[in-house]
Amino acid sequence: MPKTREEVFEAVTTERDYQIGRFGELDKINSTGDFIVYMQNYLDKARAANDPGNPGDALKFIRKVTTIGVAAMEKFGTGN
């Protein structure tokens, strides 16, 4: 079911809050390469879980990838 941008951002914010609670100290020591590895790991899981008839499992991993990207940008900037 399609979501609004606000709903998507809320899902990312909720996931980011979870990540900070669980891995907050790691954010301080991770390199950009570390973040890329974490994102690739979850992209691989998303690819494995991909089912066009039921995208929910893959989307859970896509949310994690997106949020890890947010963590990297919080630490290193947006690339602008």
PDB file of N, CA and C in Angstrom:
ATOM      1  N   MET A   1       0.839  -1.174   0.000  1.00  0.00           N
ATOM      2  CA  MET A   1       0.000   0.000   0.000  1.00  0.00           C
ATOM      3  C   MET A   1       0.892   1.247   0.000  1.00  0.00           C
ATOM      4  N   PRO A   2       0.670   2.164  -0.927  1.00  0.00           N
ATOM      5  CA  PRO A   2       1.488   3.384  -0.984  1.00  0.00           C
ATOM      6  C   PRO A   2       1.394   4.198   0.306  1.00  0.00           C
ATOM      7  N   LYS A   3       2.495   4.874   0.606  1.00  0.00           N
ATOM      8  CA  LYS A   3       2.579   5.707   1.804  1.00  0.00           C
ATOM      9  C   LYS A   3       2.920   7.131   1.398  1.00  0.00           C
ATOM     10  N   THR A   4       2.555   8.066   2.262  1.00  0.00           N
ATOM     11  CA  THR A   4       2.936   9.447   2.021  1.00  0.00           C
ATOM     12  C   THR A   4       4.404   9.630   2.391  1.00  0.00           C
ATOM     13  N   ARG A   5       4.991  10.697   1.904  1.00  0.00           N
ATOM     14  CA  ARG A   5       6.377  10.991   2.251  1.00  0.00           C
ATOM     15  C   ARG A   5       6.529  11.147   3.757  1.00  0.00           C
ATOM     16  N   GLU A   6       5.545  11.747   4.389  1.00  0.00           N
ATOM     17  CA  GLU A   6       5.590  11.935   5.840  1.00  0.00           C
ATOM     18  C   GLU A   6       5.613  10.588   6.565  1.00  0.00           C
ATOM     19  N   GLU A   7       4.832   9.634   6.082  1.00  0.00           N
ATOM     20  CA  GLU A   7       4.818   8.298   6.690  1.00  0.00           C
ATOM     21  C   GLU A   7       6.160   7.596   6.490  1.00  0.00           C
ATOM     22  N   VAL A   8       6.739   7.778   5.319  1.00  0.00           N
ATOM     23  CA  VAL A   8       8.039   7.178   5.032  1.00  0.00           C
ATOM     24  C   VAL A   8       9.103   7.777   5.948  1.00  0.00           C
ATOM     25  N   PHE A   9       9.109   9.100   6.065  1.00  0.00           N
ATOM     26  CA  PHE A   9      10.092   9.757   6.930  1.00  0.00           C
ATOM     27  C   PHE A   9       9.900   9.349   8.385  1.00  0.00           C
ATOM     28  N   GLU A  10       8.668   9.162   8.802  1.00  0.00           N
ATOM     29  CA  GLU A  10       8.407   8.708  10.177  1.00  0.00           C
ATOM     30  C   GLU A  10       8.969   7.298  10.385  1.00  0.00           C
ATOM     31  N   ALA A  11       8.817   6.430   9.403  1.00  0.00           N
ATOM     32  CA  ALA A  11       9.372   5.072   9.513  1.00  0.00           C
ATOM     33  C   ALA A  11      10.899   5.116   9.612  1.00  0.00           C
ATOM     34  N   VAL A  12      11.515   5.993   8.839  1.00  0.00           N
ATOM     35  CA  VAL A  12      12.974   6.133   8.896  1.00  0.00           C
ATOM     36  C   VAL A  12      13.390   6.713  10.243  1.00  0.00           C
ATOM     37  N   THR A  13      12.659   7.700  10.728  1.00  0.00           N
ATOM     38  CA  THR A  13      12.969   8.300  12.034  1.00  0.00           C
ATOM     39  C   THR A  13      12.850   7.266  13.142  1.00  0.00           C
ATOM     40  N   THR A  14      11.819   6.458  13.109  1.00  0.00           N
ATOM     41  CA  THR A  14      11.624   5.415  14.115  1.00  0.00           C
ATOM     42  C   THR A  14      12.765   4.402  14.067  1.00  0.00           C
ATOM     43  N   GLU A  15      13.143   3.991  12.871  1.00  0.00           N
ATOM     44  CA  GLU A  15      14.259   3.044  12.714  1.00  0.00           C
ATOM     45  C   GLU A  15      15.563   3.677  13.183  1.00  0.00           C
ATOM     46  N   ARG A  16      15.762   4.960  12.867  1.00  0.00           N
ATOM     47  CA  ARG A  16      16.995   5.634  13.282  1.00  0.00           C
ATOM     48  C   ARG A  16      17.069   5.717  14.804  1.00  0.00           C
ATOM     49  N   ASP A  17      15.958   6.027  15.458  1.00  0.00           N
ATOM     50  CA  ASP A  17      15.929   6.058  16.920  1.00  0.00           C
ATOM     51  C   ASP A  17      16.297   4.690  17.493  1.00  0.00           C
ATOM     52  N   TYR A  18      15.791   3.638  16.875  1.00  0.00           N
ATOM     53  CA  TYR A  18      16.138   2.275  17.292  1.00  0.00           C
ATOM     54  C   TYR A  18      17.647   2.035  17.139  1.00  0.00           C
ATOM     55  N   GLN A  19      18.187   2.412  15.976  1.00  0.00           N
ATOM     56  CA  GLN A  19      19.613   2.201  15.725  1.00  0.00           C
ATOM     57  C   GLN A  19      20.473   2.970  16.729  1.00  0.00           C
ATOM     58  N   ILE A  20      20.109   4.191  17.026  1.00  0.00           N
ATOM     59  CA  ILE A  20      20.874   4.988  17.991  1.00  0.00           C
ATOM     60  C   ILE A  20      20.848   4.303  19.346  1.00  0.00           C
ATOM     61  N   GLY A  21      19.688   3.806  19.748  1.00  0.00           N
ATOM     62  CA  GLY A  21      19.582   3.110  21.025  1.00  0.00           C
ATOM     63  C   GLY A  21      20.406   1.842  21.074  1.00  0.00           C
ATOM     64  N   ARG A  22      20.499   1.168  19.950  1.00  0.00           N
ATOM     65  CA  ARG A  22      21.211  -0.113  19.923  1.00  0.00           C
ATOM     66  C   ARG A  22      22.693   0.021  19.565  1.00  0.00           C
ATOM     67  N   PHE A  23      23.001   0.925  18.626  1.00  0.00           N
ATOM     68  CA  PHE A  23      24.360   0.998  18.086  1.00  0.00           C
ATOM     69  C   PHE A  23      24.976   2.387  18.183  1.00  0.00           C
ATOM     70  N   GLY A  24      24.415   3.253  18.967  1.00  0.00           N
ATOM     71  CA  GLY A  24      24.830   4.650  18.994  1.00  0.00           C
ATOM     72  C   GLY A  24      26.320   4.867  19.094  1.00  0.00           C
ATOM     73  N   GLU A  25      26.986   4.121  19.924  1.00  0.00           N
ATOM     74  CA  GLU A  25      28.423   4.296  20.080  1.00  0.00           C
ATOM     75  C   GLU A  25      29.177   3.882  18.818  1.00  0.00           C
ATOM     76  N   LEU A  26      28.648   2.922  18.079  1.00  0.00           N
ATOM     77  CA  LEU A  26      29.310   2.505  16.844  1.00  0.00           C
ATOM     78  C   LEU A  26      29.287   3.605  15.799  1.00  0.00           C
ATOM     79  N   ASP A  27      28.220   4.401  15.787  1.00  0.00           N
ATOM     80  CA  ASP A  27      28.152   5.497  14.822  1.00  0.00           C
ATOM     81  C   ASP A  27      29.366   6.408  14.950  1.00  0.00           C
ATOM     82  N   LYS A  28      29.884   6.554  16.152  1.00  0.00           N
ATOM     83  CA  LYS A  28      31.009   7.456  16.382  1.00  0.00           C
ATOM     84  C   LYS A  28      32.309   6.927  15.782  1.00  0.00           C
ATOM     85  N   ILE A  29      32.433   5.616  15.663  1.00  0.00           N
ATOM     86  CA  ILE A  29      33.700   5.053  15.180  1.00  0.00           C
ATOM     87  C   ILE A  29      33.621   4.499  13.758  1.00  0.00           C
ATOM     88  N   ASN A  30      32.425   4.365  13.202  1.00  0.00           N
ATOM     89  CA  ASN A  30      32.295   3.805  11.859  1.00  0.00           C
ATOM     90  C   ASN A  30      32.869   4.748  10.809  1.00  0.00           C
ATOM     91  N   SER A  31      33.521   4.150   9.822  1.00  0.00           N
ATOM     92  CA  SER A  31      33.996   4.899   8.655  1.00  0.00           C
ATOM     93  C   SER A  31      32.910   4.870   7.581  1.00  0.00           C
ATOM     94  N   THR A  32      33.110   5.659   6.529  1.00  0.00           N
ATOM     95  CA  THR A  32      32.152   5.583   5.427  1.00  0.00           C
ATOM     96  C   THR A  32      32.119   4.165   4.856  1.00  0.00           C
ATOM     97  N   GLY A  33      33.284   3.524   4.793  1.00  0.00           N
ATOM     98  CA  GLY A  33      33.331   2.145   4.309  1.00  0.00           C
ATOM     99  C   GLY A  33      32.522   1.193   5.163  1.00  0.00           C
ATOM    100  N   ASP A  34      32.547   1.395   6.484  1.00  0.00           N
ATOM    101  CA  ASP A  34      31.731   0.559   7.380  1.00  0.00           C
ATOM    102  C   ASP A  34      30.256   0.704   7.053  1.00  0.00           C
ATOM    103  N   PHE A  35      29.809   1.958   6.885  1.00  0.00           N
ATOM    104  CA  PHE A  35      28.405   2.187   6.571  1.00  0.00           C
ATOM    105  C   PHE A  35      28.028   1.525   5.245  1.00  0.00           C
ATOM    106  N   ILE A  36      28.928   1.594   4.269  1.00  0.00           N
ATOM    107  CA  ILE A  36      28.663   0.963   2.964  1.00  0.00           C
ATOM    108  C   ILE A  36      28.523  -0.545   3.119  1.00  0.00           C
ATOM    109  N   VAL A  37      29.381  -1.155   3.909  1.00  0.00           N
ATOM    110  CA  VAL A  37      29.303  -2.607   4.135  1.00  0.00           C
ATOM    111  C   VAL A  37      27.974  -2.968   4.793  1.00  0.00           C
ATOM    112  N   TYR A  38      27.567  -2.210   5.810  1.00  0.00           N
ATOM    113  CA  TYR A  38      26.289  -2.485   6.481  1.00  0.00           C
ATOM    114  C   TYR A  38      25.133  -2.354   5.498  1.00  0.00           C
ATOM    115  N   MET A  39      25.186  -1.303   4.673  1.00  0.00           N
ATOM    116  CA  MET A  39      24.113  -1.106   3.696  1.00  0.00           C
ATOM    117  C   MET A  39      24.077  -2.254   2.688  1.00  0.00           C
ATOM    118  N   GLN A  40      25.249  -2.678   2.214  1.00  0.00           N
ATOM    119  CA  GLN A  40      25.303  -3.782   1.250  1.00  0.00           C
ATOM    120  C   GLN A  40      24.754  -5.068   1.851  1.00  0.00           C
ATOM    121  N   ASN A  41      25.068  -5.310   3.116  1.00  0.00           N
ATOM    122  CA  ASN A  41      24.561  -6.494   3.797  1.00  0.00           C
ATOM    123  C   ASN A  41      23.026  -6.504   3.778  1.00  0.00           C
ATOM    124  N   TYR A  42      22.430  -5.380   4.114  1.00  0.00           N
ATOM    125  CA  TYR A  42      20.967  -5.322   4.116  1.00  0.00           C
ATOM    126  C   TYR A  42      20.385  -5.302   2.704  1.00  0.00           C
ATOM    127  N   LEU A  43      21.105  -4.737   1.729  1.00  0.00           N
ATOM    128  CA  LEU A  43      20.636  -4.825   0.340  1.00  0.00           C
ATOM    129  C   LEU A  43      20.625  -6.273  -0.133  1.00  0.00           C
ATOM    130  N   ASP A  44      21.632  -7.032   0.251  1.00  0.00           N
ATOM    131  CA  ASP A  44      21.668  -8.454  -0.097  1.00  0.00           C
ATOM    132  C   ASP A  44      20.478  -9.186   0.521  1.00  0.00           C
ATOM    133  N   LYS A  45      20.152  -8.852   1.763  1.00  0.00           N
ATOM    134  CA  LYS A  45      18.992  -9.462   2.423  1.00  0.00           C
ATOM    135  C   LYS A  45      17.701  -9.047   1.736  1.00  0.00           C
ATOM    136  N   ALA A  46      17.619  -7.789   1.323  1.00  0.00           N
ATOM    137  CA  ALA A  46      16.426  -7.316   0.609  1.00  0.00           C
ATOM    138  C   ALA A  46      16.259  -8.062  -0.706  1.00  0.00           C
ATOM    139  N   ARG A  47      17.363  -8.243  -1.411  1.00  0.00           N
ATOM    140  CA  ARG A  47      17.322  -8.967  -2.688  1.00  0.00           C
ATOM    141  C   ARG A  47      16.847 -10.399  -2.470  1.00  0.00           C
ATOM    142  N   ALA A  48      17.343 -11.044  -1.429  1.00  0.00           N
ATOM    143  CA  ALA A  48      16.960 -12.430  -1.136  1.00  0.00           C
ATOM    144  C   ALA A  48      15.498 -12.532  -0.717  1.00  0.00           C
ATOM    145  N   ALA A  49      14.997 -11.496  -0.061  1.00  0.00           N
ATOM    146  CA  ALA A  49      13.614 -11.517   0.433  1.00  0.00           C
ATOM    147  C   ALA A  49      12.616 -10.985  -0.591  1.00  0.00           C
ATOM    148  N   ASN A  50      13.126 -10.512  -1.725  1.00  0.00           N
ATOM    149  CA  ASN A  50      12.251  -9.872  -2.704  1.00  0.00           C
ATOM    150  C   ASN A  50      11.218 -10.848  -3.267  1.00  0.00           C
ATOM    151  N   ASP A  51       9.980 -10.496  -3.114  1.00  0.00           N
ATOM    152  CA  ASP A  51       8.848 -11.251  -3.655  1.00  0.00           C
ATOM    153  C   ASP A  51       7.854 -10.232  -4.173  1.00  0.00           C
ATOM    154  N   PRO A  52       7.732 -10.086  -5.503  1.00  0.00           N
ATOM    155  CA  PRO A  52       6.835  -9.069  -6.050  1.00  0.00           C
ATOM    156  C   PRO A  52       5.404  -9.160  -5.530  1.00  0.00           C
ATOM    157  N   GLY A  53       4.975 -10.349  -5.162  1.00  0.00           N
ATOM    158  CA  GLY A  53       3.632 -10.511  -4.633  1.00  0.00           C
ATOM    159  C   GLY A  53       3.496 -10.110  -3.180  1.00  0.00           C
ATOM    160  N   ASN A  54       4.637 -10.025  -2.473  1.00  0.00           N
ATOM    161  CA  ASN A  54       4.632  -9.671  -1.059  1.00  0.00           C
ATOM    162  C   ASN A  54       5.926  -8.915  -0.749  1.00  0.00           C
ATOM    163  N   PRO A  55       5.962  -7.595  -1.034  1.00  0.00           N
ATOM    164  CA  PRO A  55       7.200  -6.840  -0.878  1.00  0.00           C
ATOM    165  C   PRO A  55       7.559  -6.492   0.564  1.00  0.00           C
ATOM    166  N   GLY A  56       6.716  -6.842   1.516  1.00  0.00           N
ATOM    167  CA  GLY A  56       6.924  -6.428   2.905  1.00  0.00           C
ATOM    168  C   GLY A  56       8.263  -6.810   3.482  1.00  0.00           C
ATOM    169  N   ASP A  57       8.711  -8.050   3.267  1.00  0.00           N
ATOM    170  CA  ASP A  57       9.986  -8.478   3.843  1.00  0.00           C
ATOM    171  C   ASP A  57      11.153  -7.694   3.250  1.00  0.00           C
ATOM    172  N   ALA A  58      11.159  -7.509   1.946  1.00  0.00           N
ATOM    173  CA  ALA A  58      12.237  -6.742   1.317  1.00  0.00           C
ATOM    174  C   ALA A  58      12.204  -5.292   1.789  1.00  0.00           C
ATOM    175  N   LEU A  59      11.033  -4.738   1.952  1.00  0.00           N
ATOM    176  CA  LEU A  59      10.920  -3.343   2.381  1.00  0.00           C
ATOM    177  C   LEU A  59      11.453  -3.125   3.794  1.00  0.00           C
ATOM    178  N   LYS A  60      11.359  -4.127   4.641  1.00  0.00           N
ATOM    179  CA  LYS A  60      11.946  -4.008   5.991  1.00  0.00           C
ATOM    180  C   LYS A  60      13.446  -3.771   5.882  1.00  0.00           C
ATOM    181  N   PHE A  61      14.095  -4.469   4.963  1.00  0.00           N
ATOM    182  CA  PHE A  61      15.530  -4.302   4.784  1.00  0.00           C
ATOM    183  C   PHE A  61      15.856  -2.993   4.071  1.00  0.00           C
ATOM    184  N   ILE A  62      15.020  -2.584   3.133  1.00  0.00           N
ATOM    185  CA  ILE A  62      15.219  -1.304   2.457  1.00  0.00           C
ATOM    186  C   ILE A  62      15.142  -0.164   3.467  1.00  0.00           C
ATOM    187  N   ARG A  63      14.223  -0.263   4.423  1.00  0.00           N
ATOM    188  CA  ARG A  63      14.134   0.759   5.483  1.00  0.00           C
ATOM    189  C   ARG A  63      15.445   0.822   6.263  1.00  0.00           C
ATOM    190  N   LYS A  64      16.031  -0.311   6.561  1.00  0.00           N
ATOM    191  CA  LYS A  64      17.303  -0.334   7.293  1.00  0.00           C
ATOM    192  C   LYS A  64      18.422   0.286   6.458  1.00  0.00           C
ATOM    193  N   VAL A  65      18.490  -0.041   5.178  1.00  0.00           N
ATOM    194  CA  VAL A  65      19.503   0.530   4.292  1.00  0.00           C
ATOM    195  C   VAL A  65      19.372   2.056   4.256  1.00  0.00           C
ATOM    196  N   THR A  66      18.161   2.521   4.078  1.00  0.00           N
ATOM    197  CA  THR A  66      17.910   3.959   4.018  1.00  0.00           C
ATOM    198  C   THR A  66      18.355   4.640   5.302  1.00  0.00           C
ATOM    199  N   THR A  67      18.039   4.029   6.417  1.00  0.00           N
ATOM    200  CA  THR A  67      18.353   4.618   7.711  1.00  0.00           C
ATOM    201  C   THR A  67      19.847   4.580   7.998  1.00  0.00           C
ATOM    202  N   ILE A  68      20.529   3.553   7.561  1.00  0.00           N
ATOM    203  CA  ILE A  68      21.985   3.522   7.707  1.00  0.00           C
ATOM    204  C   ILE A  68      22.601   4.646   6.877  1.00  0.00           C
ATOM    205  N   GLY A  69      22.026   4.907   5.719  1.00  0.00           N
ATOM    206  CA  GLY A  69      22.473   6.045   4.912  1.00  0.00           C
ATOM    207  C   GLY A  69      22.276   7.360   5.643  1.00  0.00           C
ATOM    208  N   VAL A  70      21.164   7.494   6.348  1.00  0.00           N
ATOM    209  CA  VAL A  70      20.921   8.691   7.154  1.00  0.00           C
ATOM    210  C   VAL A  70      21.999   8.818   8.226  1.00  0.00           C
ATOM    211  N   ALA A  71      22.331   7.701   8.883  1.00  0.00           N
ATOM    212  CA  ALA A  71      23.371   7.729   9.924  1.00  0.00           C
ATOM    213  C   ALA A  71      24.703   8.191   9.334  1.00  0.00           C
ATOM    214  N   ALA A  72      25.035   7.706   8.158  1.00  0.00           N
ATOM    215  CA  ALA A  72      26.290   8.109   7.517  1.00  0.00           C
ATOM    216  C   ALA A  72      26.275   9.604   7.206  1.00  0.00           C
ATOM    217  N   MET A  73      25.153  10.105   6.708  1.00  0.00           N
ATOM    218  CA  MET A  73      25.062  11.532   6.389  1.00  0.00           C
ATOM    219  C   MET A  73      25.067  12.391   7.645  1.00  0.00           C
ATOM    220  N   GLU A  74      24.501  11.886   8.733  1.00  0.00           N
ATOM    221  CA  GLU A  74      24.567  12.627   9.991  1.00  0.00           C
ATOM    222  C   GLU A  74      26.027  12.783  10.421  1.00  0.00           C
ATOM    223  N   LYS A  75      26.811  11.754  10.219  1.00  0.00           N
ATOM    224  CA  LYS A  75      28.205  11.781  10.659  1.00  0.00           C
ATOM    225  C   LYS A  75      29.110  12.545   9.698  1.00  0.00           C
ATOM    226  N   PHE A  76      28.923  12.344   8.393  1.00  0.00           N
ATOM    227  CA  PHE A  76      29.879  12.846   7.426  1.00  0.00           C
ATOM    228  C   PHE A  76      29.350  13.981   6.553  1.00  0.00           C
ATOM    229  N   GLY A  77      28.078  14.275   6.614  1.00  0.00           N
ATOM    230  CA  GLY A  77      27.496  15.315   5.763  1.00  0.00           C
ATOM    231  C   GLY A  77      26.685  14.711   4.635  1.00  0.00           C
ATOM    232  N   THR A  78      26.084  15.564   3.853  1.00  0.00           N
ATOM    233  CA  THR A  78      25.162  15.105   2.819  1.00  0.00           C
ATOM    234  C   THR A  78      25.797  14.971   1.448  1.00  0.00           C
ATOM    235  N   GLY A  79      27.057  15.323   1.323  1.00  0.00           N
ATOM    236  CA  GLY A  79      27.714  15.217   0.032  1.00  0.00           C
ATOM    237  C   GLY A  79      27.506  16.436  -0.844  1.00  0.00           C
ATOM    238  N   ASN A  80      26.898  17.458  -0.291  1.00  0.00           N
ATOM    239  CA  ASN A  80      26.702  18.703  -1.063  1.00  0.00           C
ATOM    240  C   ASN A  80      27.914  19.585  -0.956  1.00  0.00           C
TER     241      ASN A  80
END
